[in-house]
């Protein structure tokens, strides 16, 4: 693997339980997560995942799965806003992770046709500081329907993740 990262998915409400996935670029430069027999390989410890990645200075990227789970379960906007500002990067990071997981498993992430507009709105919101888009300021505001669509897309990604995990068991 030329380029690899360890993804830490934290579910601390379950007793500080995190599990780790290895993300890498495949031979075609596509983002993939390690799989075996059609399942995502997960590791119990960061050290196991780093060893599996085969790179000594492998970076670990933290994903707050507990926060996402809470939002998916309750719909509480407090989980997707920080100081009254939409945390577009948080949502976009999970959306991209779930897309990479779907590609790695040869599946499709469930996305309604209008989801692309929501994705681009999140993307523009993360780029607002660069002033790439004149409409960046409005992109941080989601309608209730858009918020619900994003929630459904990310719920389908979380379901896909949880249904397709297998522990590497010292592979």
N, C-alpha and C. Protein backbone atom coordinates (compact mmCIF):
# COMPACT_ATOMS: atom_id res chain seq x y z
N UNK A 1 0.83 -1.18 0.00
CA UNK A 1 0.00 0.00 0.00
C UNK A 1 0.88 1.24 0.00
N UNK A 2 0.62 2.11 -0.95
CA UNK A 2 1.39 3.34 -1.01
C UNK A 2 0.87 4.37 -0.03
N UNK A 3 -0.44 4.51 0.03
CA UNK A 3 -1.06 5.54 0.84
C UNK A 3 -2.12 4.87 1.69
N UNK A 4 -1.97 4.90 3.00
CA UNK A 4 -2.94 4.24 3.87
C UNK A 4 -3.19 5.08 5.11
N UNK A 5 -4.41 4.96 5.60
CA UNK A 5 -4.82 5.62 6.83
C UNK A 5 -5.58 4.60 7.67
N UNK A 6 -5.54 4.81 8.95
CA UNK A 6 -6.38 4.03 9.85
C UNK A 6 -7.56 4.91 10.20
N UNK A 7 -8.75 4.36 10.09
CA UNK A 7 -9.97 5.06 10.45
C UNK A 7 -10.40 4.54 11.81
N UNK A 8 -10.46 5.42 12.80
CA UNK A 8 -10.95 5.04 14.13
C UNK A 8 -12.41 5.45 14.22
N UNK A 9 -13.27 4.46 14.40
CA UNK A 9 -14.69 4.72 14.60
C UNK A 9 -14.98 4.53 16.08
N UNK A 10 -15.34 5.61 16.74
CA UNK A 10 -15.52 5.59 18.19
C UNK A 10 -16.99 5.54 18.57
N UNK A 11 -17.31 4.56 19.39
CA UNK A 11 -18.64 4.43 19.99
C UNK A 11 -18.45 4.43 21.50
N UNK A 12 -18.03 5.54 22.05
CA UNK A 12 -17.65 5.57 23.45
C UNK A 12 -18.80 5.31 24.40
N UNK A 13 -20.04 5.50 23.97
CA UNK A 13 -21.16 5.20 24.86
C UNK A 13 -21.22 3.72 25.20
N UNK A 14 -20.56 2.90 24.41
CA UNK A 14 -20.56 1.46 24.64
C UNK A 14 -19.30 1.05 25.40
N UNK A 15 -18.83 1.88 26.31
CA UNK A 15 -17.66 1.53 27.11
C UNK A 15 -16.36 1.85 26.42
N UNK A 16 -16.27 3.01 25.77
CA UNK A 16 -15.08 3.43 25.06
C UNK A 16 -14.64 2.41 24.03
N UNK A 17 -15.62 1.88 23.30
CA UNK A 17 -15.26 0.90 22.29
C UNK A 17 -15.05 1.60 20.95
N UNK A 18 -13.86 1.48 20.46
CA UNK A 18 -13.52 1.94 19.13
C UNK A 18 -13.12 0.72 18.32
N UNK A 19 -13.33 0.80 17.04
CA UNK A 19 -12.76 -0.21 16.16
C UNK A 19 -12.12 0.53 15.01
N UNK A 20 -11.26 -0.16 14.31
CA UNK A 20 -10.37 0.48 13.35
C UNK A 20 -10.47 -0.20 12.00
N UNK A 21 -10.51 0.60 10.96
CA UNK A 21 -10.53 0.14 9.59
C UNK A 21 -9.29 0.68 8.89
N UNK A 22 -8.85 0.00 7.86
CA UNK A 22 -7.70 0.47 7.08
C UNK A 22 -8.21 0.97 5.74
N UNK A 23 -7.95 2.24 5.47
CA UNK A 23 -8.30 2.88 4.21
C UNK A 23 -7.03 2.99 3.38
N UNK A 24 -7.14 2.73 2.10
CA UNK A 24 -5.98 2.86 1.22
C UNK A 24 -6.43 3.19 -0.19
N UNK A 25 -5.50 3.58 -1.00
CA UNK A 25 -5.77 3.79 -2.41
C UNK A 25 -5.38 2.50 -3.13
N UNK A 26 -6.28 2.00 -3.97
CA UNK A 26 -5.98 0.76 -4.69
C UNK A 26 -5.07 1.05 -5.88
N UNK A 27 -4.78 0.04 -6.68
CA UNK A 27 -3.87 0.18 -7.81
C UNK A 27 -4.34 1.22 -8.83
N UNK A 28 -5.66 1.44 -8.88
CA UNK A 28 -6.22 2.43 -9.80
C UNK A 28 -6.37 3.81 -9.15
N UNK A 29 -5.87 3.95 -7.90
CA UNK A 29 -5.96 5.22 -7.20
C UNK A 29 -7.32 5.49 -6.57
N UNK A 30 -8.17 4.47 -6.51
CA UNK A 30 -9.50 4.62 -5.92
C UNK A 30 -9.42 4.37 -4.41
N UNK A 31 -10.22 5.12 -3.65
CA UNK A 31 -10.26 4.96 -2.20
C UNK A 31 -10.99 3.67 -1.85
N UNK A 32 -10.33 2.84 -1.05
CA UNK A 32 -10.91 1.56 -0.67
C UNK A 32 -10.60 1.27 0.79
N UNK A 33 -11.45 0.46 1.41
CA UNK A 33 -11.18 -0.04 2.74
C UNK A 33 -10.88 -1.52 2.60
N UNK A 34 -10.03 -2.03 3.49
CA UNK A 34 -9.65 -3.45 3.40
C UNK A 34 -10.85 -4.32 3.68
N UNK A 35 -10.98 -5.35 2.85
CA UNK A 35 -12.08 -6.28 2.98
C UNK A 35 -11.55 -7.72 2.92
N UNK A 36 -12.37 -8.63 3.37
CA UNK A 36 -12.09 -10.06 3.23
C UNK A 36 -13.43 -10.76 3.08
N UNK A 37 -13.55 -11.58 2.04
CA UNK A 37 -14.78 -12.33 1.80
C UNK A 37 -16.02 -11.43 1.77
N UNK A 38 -15.88 -10.27 1.16
CA UNK A 38 -17.01 -9.37 1.01
C UNK A 38 -17.41 -8.62 2.27
N UNK A 39 -16.55 -8.61 3.28
CA UNK A 39 -16.83 -7.89 4.53
C UNK A 39 -15.69 -6.92 4.81
N UNK A 40 -16.01 -5.84 5.52
CA UNK A 40 -14.99 -4.88 5.93
C UNK A 40 -14.17 -5.46 7.07
N UNK A 41 -12.87 -5.43 6.94
CA UNK A 41 -12.01 -5.89 8.02
C UNK A 41 -11.88 -4.80 9.07
N UNK A 42 -12.19 -5.14 10.30
CA UNK A 42 -11.97 -4.17 11.37
C UNK A 42 -11.04 -4.79 12.40
N UNK A 43 -10.37 -3.93 13.10
CA UNK A 43 -9.35 -4.32 14.07
C UNK A 43 -9.73 -3.78 15.44
N UNK A 44 -9.35 -4.52 16.46
CA UNK A 44 -9.68 -4.15 17.84
C UNK A 44 -8.83 -3.02 18.36
N UNK A 45 -7.61 -2.91 17.85
CA UNK A 45 -6.71 -1.87 18.35
C UNK A 45 -6.10 -1.10 17.18
N UNK A 46 -5.69 0.11 17.48
CA UNK A 46 -5.04 0.94 16.48
C UNK A 46 -3.73 0.29 16.02
N UNK A 47 -3.01 -0.32 16.95
CA UNK A 47 -1.73 -0.96 16.61
C UNK A 47 -1.92 -2.10 15.61
N UNK A 48 -2.99 -2.91 15.79
CA UNK A 48 -3.26 -3.98 14.84
C UNK A 48 -3.57 -3.42 13.45
N UNK A 49 -4.33 -2.35 13.41
CA UNK A 49 -4.69 -1.75 12.13
C UNK A 49 -3.46 -1.15 11.44
N UNK A 50 -2.62 -0.49 12.21
CA UNK A 50 -1.39 0.09 11.64
C UNK A 50 -0.50 -1.02 11.10
N UNK A 51 -0.36 -2.11 11.84
CA UNK A 51 0.44 -3.24 11.37
C UNK A 51 -0.15 -3.81 10.08
N UNK A 52 -1.47 -3.90 10.01
CA UNK A 52 -2.12 -4.42 8.81
C UNK A 52 -1.92 -3.49 7.62
N UNK A 53 -1.85 -2.19 7.89
CA UNK A 53 -1.63 -1.22 6.81
C UNK A 53 -0.22 -1.36 6.23
N UNK A 54 0.71 -1.82 7.06
CA UNK A 54 2.07 -2.04 6.59
C UNK A 54 2.90 -0.79 6.44
N UNK A 55 2.50 0.29 7.07
CA UNK A 55 3.24 1.54 6.98
C UNK A 55 3.54 2.02 8.39
N UNK A 56 4.79 2.33 8.67
CA UNK A 56 5.19 2.70 10.02
C UNK A 56 4.62 4.03 10.48
N UNK A 57 4.54 5.00 9.59
CA UNK A 57 4.04 6.31 9.99
C UNK A 57 2.61 6.54 9.49
N UNK A 58 1.82 5.50 9.61
CA UNK A 58 0.43 5.53 9.19
C UNK A 58 -0.37 6.49 10.07
N UNK A 59 -1.17 7.35 9.47
CA UNK A 59 -1.98 8.31 10.21
C UNK A 59 -3.31 7.68 10.62
N UNK A 60 -3.82 8.09 11.77
CA UNK A 60 -5.14 7.66 12.22
C UNK A 60 -6.08 8.85 12.16
N UNK A 61 -7.24 8.63 11.55
CA UNK A 61 -8.25 9.66 11.40
C UNK A 61 -9.44 9.26 12.28
N UNK A 62 -9.86 10.18 13.14
CA UNK A 62 -10.93 9.91 14.11
C UNK A 62 -12.29 10.25 13.51
N UNK A 63 -13.24 9.34 13.64
CA UNK A 63 -14.63 9.55 13.26
C UNK A 63 -15.49 9.31 14.49
N UNK A 64 -16.26 10.30 14.88
CA UNK A 64 -17.10 10.22 16.06
C UNK A 64 -18.43 9.54 15.70
N UNK A 65 -18.39 8.21 15.64
CA UNK A 65 -19.57 7.44 15.26
C UNK A 65 -20.68 7.57 16.31
N UNK A 66 -20.32 7.79 17.56
CA UNK A 66 -21.32 7.97 18.60
C UNK A 66 -22.15 9.22 18.32
N UNK A 67 -21.50 10.29 17.96
CA UNK A 67 -22.19 11.54 17.64
C UNK A 67 -23.12 11.35 16.45
N UNK A 68 -22.63 10.67 15.41
CA UNK A 68 -23.47 10.42 14.25
C UNK A 68 -24.64 9.53 14.63
N UNK A 69 -24.38 8.45 15.36
CA UNK A 69 -25.45 7.56 15.82
C UNK A 69 -26.53 8.31 16.57
N UNK A 70 -26.11 9.20 17.45
CA UNK A 70 -27.07 9.97 18.25
C UNK A 70 -27.96 10.82 17.35
N UNK A 71 -27.35 11.48 16.36
CA UNK A 71 -28.14 12.29 15.44
C UNK A 71 -29.07 11.42 14.61
N UNK A 72 -28.57 10.27 14.12
CA UNK A 72 -29.40 9.39 13.31
C UNK A 72 -30.59 8.87 14.12
N UNK A 73 -30.36 8.56 15.38
CA UNK A 73 -31.40 7.99 16.23
C UNK A 73 -32.41 9.03 16.68
N UNK A 74 -31.93 10.20 17.09
CA UNK A 74 -32.82 11.20 17.69
C UNK A 74 -33.21 12.34 16.75
N UNK A 75 -32.38 12.60 15.76
CA UNK A 75 -32.62 13.76 14.89
C UNK A 75 -32.26 15.08 15.55
N UNK A 76 -31.59 15.02 16.69
CA UNK A 76 -31.23 16.24 17.43
C UNK A 76 -30.21 17.05 16.65
N UNK A 77 -30.62 18.24 16.25
CA UNK A 77 -29.74 19.11 15.48
C UNK A 77 -28.51 19.54 16.28
N UNK A 78 -28.55 19.38 17.59
CA UNK A 78 -27.39 19.75 18.41
C UNK A 78 -26.16 18.94 18.03
N UNK A 79 -26.36 17.80 17.37
CA UNK A 79 -25.24 16.95 16.99
C UNK A 79 -24.58 17.37 15.68
N UNK A 80 -25.28 18.18 14.88
CA UNK A 80 -24.72 18.58 13.58
C UNK A 80 -24.43 20.07 13.51
N UNK A 81 -24.65 20.77 14.60
CA UNK A 81 -24.32 22.20 14.67
C UNK A 81 -23.35 22.42 15.81
N UNK A 82 -22.38 23.29 15.59
CA UNK A 82 -21.43 23.69 16.63
C UNK A 82 -21.53 25.21 16.72
N UNK A 83 -21.91 25.71 17.87
CA UNK A 83 -22.09 27.15 18.05
C UNK A 83 -22.97 27.75 16.96
N UNK A 84 -24.10 27.09 16.69
CA UNK A 84 -25.10 27.54 15.71
C UNK A 84 -24.58 27.55 14.27
N UNK A 85 -23.48 26.88 14.01
CA UNK A 85 -22.94 26.76 12.65
C UNK A 85 -22.97 25.29 12.26
N UNK A 86 -23.53 25.00 11.09
CA UNK A 86 -23.60 23.64 10.60
C UNK A 86 -22.20 23.04 10.52
N UNK A 87 -22.02 21.86 11.08
CA UNK A 87 -20.74 21.16 10.99
C UNK A 87 -20.74 20.33 9.71
N UNK A 88 -20.63 21.04 8.60
CA UNK A 88 -20.69 20.41 7.27
C UNK A 88 -19.56 19.42 7.08
N UNK A 89 -18.40 19.72 7.63
CA UNK A 89 -17.25 18.81 7.48
C UNK A 89 -17.53 17.46 8.13
N UNK A 90 -18.14 17.47 9.30
CA UNK A 90 -18.51 16.23 10.00
C UNK A 90 -19.43 15.38 9.12
N UNK A 91 -20.46 15.98 8.56
CA UNK A 91 -21.41 15.25 7.72
C UNK A 91 -20.76 14.78 6.43
N UNK A 92 -19.98 15.65 5.81
CA UNK A 92 -19.33 15.32 4.55
C UNK A 92 -18.29 14.21 4.73
N UNK A 93 -17.54 14.24 5.83
CA UNK A 93 -16.56 13.18 6.08
C UNK A 93 -17.23 11.82 6.17
N UNK A 94 -18.35 11.74 6.88
CA UNK A 94 -19.06 10.45 6.97
C UNK A 94 -19.64 10.05 5.62
N UNK A 95 -20.19 11.00 4.90
CA UNK A 95 -20.76 10.69 3.59
C UNK A 95 -19.67 10.12 2.68
N UNK A 96 -18.50 10.74 2.66
CA UNK A 96 -17.39 10.25 1.84
C UNK A 96 -16.91 8.88 2.32
N UNK A 97 -16.83 8.68 3.63
CA UNK A 97 -16.43 7.38 4.17
C UNK A 97 -17.41 6.30 3.73
N UNK A 98 -18.70 6.58 3.85
CA UNK A 98 -19.71 5.59 3.47
C UNK A 98 -19.68 5.30 1.97
N UNK A 99 -19.37 6.31 1.17
CA UNK A 99 -19.24 6.09 -0.28
C UNK A 99 -18.05 5.16 -0.55
N UNK A 100 -16.93 5.39 0.14
CA UNK A 100 -15.76 4.53 -0.02
C UNK A 100 -16.05 3.11 0.45
N UNK A 101 -16.81 2.98 1.53
CA UNK A 101 -17.19 1.65 2.02
C UNK A 101 -18.05 0.95 0.98
N UNK A 102 -19.04 1.65 0.44
CA UNK A 102 -19.90 1.05 -0.58
C UNK A 102 -19.08 0.60 -1.79
N UNK A 103 -18.16 1.44 -2.25
CA UNK A 103 -17.31 1.07 -3.38
C UNK A 103 -16.45 -0.15 -3.03
N UNK A 104 -15.93 -0.18 -1.82
CA UNK A 104 -15.08 -1.30 -1.39
C UNK A 104 -15.85 -2.61 -1.36
N UNK A 105 -17.14 -2.54 -1.03
CA UNK A 105 -17.97 -3.73 -0.93
C UNK A 105 -18.70 -4.06 -2.23
N UNK A 106 -18.52 -3.21 -3.25
CA UNK A 106 -19.22 -3.41 -4.52
C UNK A 106 -20.72 -3.15 -4.38
N UNK A 107 -21.07 -2.23 -3.50
CA UNK A 107 -22.47 -1.90 -3.25
C UNK A 107 -22.70 -0.43 -3.63
N UNK A 108 -23.93 -0.02 -3.51
CA UNK A 108 -24.29 1.39 -3.72
C UNK A 108 -24.81 1.96 -2.42
N UNK A 109 -24.38 3.18 -2.12
CA UNK A 109 -24.93 3.92 -1.00
C UNK A 109 -26.30 4.42 -1.44
N UNK A 110 -27.31 4.21 -0.62
CA UNK A 110 -28.66 4.65 -0.97
C UNK A 110 -28.73 6.17 -0.95
N UNK A 111 -28.88 6.75 -2.14
CA UNK A 111 -28.93 8.19 -2.29
C UNK A 111 -30.07 8.55 -3.24
N UNK A 112 -31.07 9.30 -2.77
CA UNK A 112 -32.10 9.78 -3.69
C UNK A 112 -31.47 10.70 -4.74
N UNK A 113 -32.17 10.92 -5.84
CA UNK A 113 -31.64 11.77 -6.92
C UNK A 113 -31.24 13.16 -6.42
N UNK A 114 -32.00 13.72 -5.50
CA UNK A 114 -31.73 15.07 -5.01
C UNK A 114 -30.56 15.12 -4.03
N UNK A 115 -30.03 13.99 -3.66
CA UNK A 115 -28.95 13.94 -2.66
C UNK A 115 -27.69 14.65 -3.16
N UNK A 116 -27.45 14.63 -4.45
CA UNK A 116 -26.25 15.29 -5.00
C UNK A 116 -26.26 16.79 -4.68
N UNK A 117 -27.44 17.41 -4.73
CA UNK A 117 -27.54 18.83 -4.39
C UNK A 117 -27.17 19.06 -2.92
N UNK A 118 -27.61 18.16 -2.05
CA UNK A 118 -27.28 18.27 -0.62
C UNK A 118 -25.78 18.07 -0.41
N UNK A 119 -25.21 17.10 -1.12
CA UNK A 119 -23.78 16.85 -1.01
C UNK A 119 -23.01 18.11 -1.41
N UNK A 120 -23.39 18.71 -2.53
CA UNK A 120 -22.69 19.90 -3.00
C UNK A 120 -22.87 21.08 -2.04
N UNK A 121 -24.01 21.16 -1.40
CA UNK A 121 -24.23 22.22 -0.42
C UNK A 121 -23.28 22.03 0.76
N UNK A 122 -23.11 20.80 1.21
CA UNK A 122 -22.17 20.51 2.29
C UNK A 122 -20.74 20.82 1.83
N UNK A 123 -20.41 20.40 0.62
CA UNK A 123 -19.07 20.65 0.09
C UNK A 123 -18.77 22.14 0.03
N UNK A 124 -19.71 22.93 -0.51
CA UNK A 124 -19.50 24.37 -0.59
C UNK A 124 -19.34 24.98 0.79
N UNK A 125 -20.06 24.47 1.76
CA UNK A 125 -19.95 25.01 3.12
C UNK A 125 -18.56 24.77 3.69
N UNK A 126 -17.92 23.66 3.33
CA UNK A 126 -16.56 23.41 3.82
C UNK A 126 -15.54 24.26 3.09
N UNK A 127 -15.90 24.79 1.94
CA UNK A 127 -15.00 25.61 1.13
C UNK A 127 -15.24 27.10 1.31
N UNK A 128 -16.14 27.48 2.19
CA UNK A 128 -16.55 28.89 2.33
C UNK A 128 -15.36 29.81 2.59
N UNK A 129 -14.40 29.34 3.37
CA UNK A 129 -13.27 30.21 3.70
C UNK A 129 -12.41 30.53 2.48
N UNK A 130 -12.48 29.70 1.47
CA UNK A 130 -11.71 29.95 0.26
C UNK A 130 -12.47 30.82 -0.73
N UNK A 131 -13.73 31.13 -0.43
CA UNK A 131 -14.56 31.97 -1.28
C UNK A 131 -14.61 31.47 -2.72
N UNK A 132 -14.66 30.15 -2.86
CA UNK A 132 -14.75 29.57 -4.19
C UNK A 132 -16.11 29.86 -4.81
N UNK A 133 -17.14 29.79 -3.99
CA UNK A 133 -18.50 29.98 -4.48
C UNK A 133 -19.11 31.22 -3.85
N UNK A 134 -19.78 32.00 -4.66
CA UNK A 134 -20.46 33.20 -4.15
C UNK A 134 -21.58 32.80 -3.19
N UNK A 135 -22.17 31.62 -3.40
CA UNK A 135 -23.30 31.19 -2.58
C UNK A 135 -22.85 30.40 -1.36
N UNK A 136 -21.60 30.45 -1.00
CA UNK A 136 -21.10 29.64 0.12
C UNK A 136 -21.83 29.96 1.42
N UNK A 137 -22.18 31.23 1.62
CA UNK A 137 -22.85 31.60 2.86
C UNK A 137 -24.20 30.90 2.97
N UNK A 138 -24.95 30.83 1.87
CA UNK A 138 -26.25 30.18 1.93
C UNK A 138 -26.13 28.66 2.00
N UNK A 139 -25.01 28.12 1.57
CA UNK A 139 -24.87 26.67 1.53
C UNK A 139 -24.85 26.05 2.92
N UNK A 140 -24.56 26.84 3.94
CA UNK A 140 -24.53 26.29 5.30
C UNK A 140 -25.93 26.15 5.89
N UNK A 141 -26.93 26.66 5.22
CA UNK A 141 -28.29 26.57 5.71
C UNK A 141 -29.00 25.43 4.99
N UNK A 142 -29.46 24.47 5.77
CA UNK A 142 -30.18 23.34 5.19
C UNK A 142 -31.65 23.46 5.53
N UNK A 143 -32.49 23.15 4.55
CA UNK A 143 -33.91 23.08 4.84
C UNK A 143 -34.17 21.82 5.65
N UNK A 144 -35.33 21.72 6.25
CA UNK A 144 -35.68 20.51 7.00
C UNK A 144 -35.66 19.28 6.08
N UNK A 145 -36.15 19.45 4.85
CA UNK A 145 -36.17 18.34 3.90
C UNK A 145 -34.75 17.90 3.54
N UNK A 146 -33.85 18.86 3.36
CA UNK A 146 -32.45 18.51 3.03
C UNK A 146 -31.77 17.82 4.21
N UNK A 147 -32.03 18.33 5.40
CA UNK A 147 -31.45 17.70 6.59
C UNK A 147 -31.93 16.26 6.70
N UNK A 148 -33.20 16.05 6.47
CA UNK A 148 -33.76 14.68 6.55
C UNK A 148 -33.17 13.79 5.46
N UNK A 149 -32.95 14.34 4.28
CA UNK A 149 -32.36 13.53 3.20
C UNK A 149 -30.93 13.13 3.56
N UNK A 150 -30.16 14.06 4.08
CA UNK A 150 -28.79 13.75 4.49
C UNK A 150 -28.82 12.68 5.58
N UNK A 151 -29.75 12.83 6.49
CA UNK A 151 -29.88 11.85 7.58
C UNK A 151 -30.18 10.46 7.03
N UNK A 152 -31.06 10.36 6.04
CA UNK A 152 -31.39 9.05 5.45
C UNK A 152 -30.18 8.46 4.72
N UNK A 153 -29.45 9.29 4.00
CA UNK A 153 -28.25 8.80 3.29
C UNK A 153 -27.24 8.26 4.30
N UNK A 154 -26.98 9.03 5.35
CA UNK A 154 -25.99 8.60 6.35
C UNK A 154 -26.48 7.41 7.15
N UNK A 155 -27.79 7.30 7.37
CA UNK A 155 -28.33 6.12 8.04
C UNK A 155 -28.10 4.88 7.19
N UNK A 156 -28.30 5.00 5.88
CA UNK A 156 -28.06 3.85 5.00
C UNK A 156 -26.58 3.47 5.02
N UNK A 157 -25.70 4.47 5.11
CA UNK A 157 -24.27 4.19 5.20
C UNK A 157 -23.91 3.50 6.51
N UNK A 158 -24.49 3.98 7.60
CA UNK A 158 -24.21 3.36 8.91
C UNK A 158 -24.74 1.92 8.94
N UNK A 159 -25.93 1.70 8.38
CA UNK A 159 -26.48 0.35 8.32
C UNK A 159 -25.57 -0.57 7.51
N UNK A 160 -25.11 -0.08 6.36
CA UNK A 160 -24.22 -0.87 5.51
C UNK A 160 -22.93 -1.20 6.25
N UNK A 161 -22.37 -0.22 6.93
CA UNK A 161 -21.15 -0.44 7.71
C UNK A 161 -21.37 -1.53 8.75
N UNK A 162 -22.38 -1.38 9.56
CA UNK A 162 -22.61 -2.31 10.67
C UNK A 162 -22.95 -3.72 10.20
N UNK A 163 -23.60 -3.84 9.06
CA UNK A 163 -23.98 -5.15 8.54
C UNK A 163 -22.84 -5.87 7.83
N UNK A 164 -21.76 -5.15 7.57
CA UNK A 164 -20.68 -5.72 6.76
C UNK A 164 -19.32 -5.67 7.45
N UNK A 165 -19.29 -5.74 8.76
CA UNK A 165 -18.04 -5.75 9.52
C UNK A 165 -17.66 -7.17 9.90
N UNK A 166 -16.37 -7.44 9.87
CA UNK A 166 -15.85 -8.69 10.40
C UNK A 166 -14.49 -8.36 11.04
N UNK A 167 -14.25 -8.94 12.20
CA UNK A 167 -12.98 -8.70 12.86
C UNK A 167 -11.87 -9.48 12.18
N UNK A 168 -10.73 -8.86 12.04
CA UNK A 168 -9.59 -9.48 11.34
C UNK A 168 -8.97 -10.61 12.16
N UNK A 169 -9.14 -10.58 13.49
CA UNK A 169 -8.62 -11.63 14.37
C UNK A 169 -7.16 -11.96 14.11
N UNK A 170 -6.33 -10.95 14.20
CA UNK A 170 -4.89 -11.16 14.10
C UNK A 170 -4.42 -11.56 12.72
N UNK A 171 -5.16 -11.21 11.71
CA UNK A 171 -4.79 -11.55 10.31
C UNK A 171 -3.34 -11.22 10.04
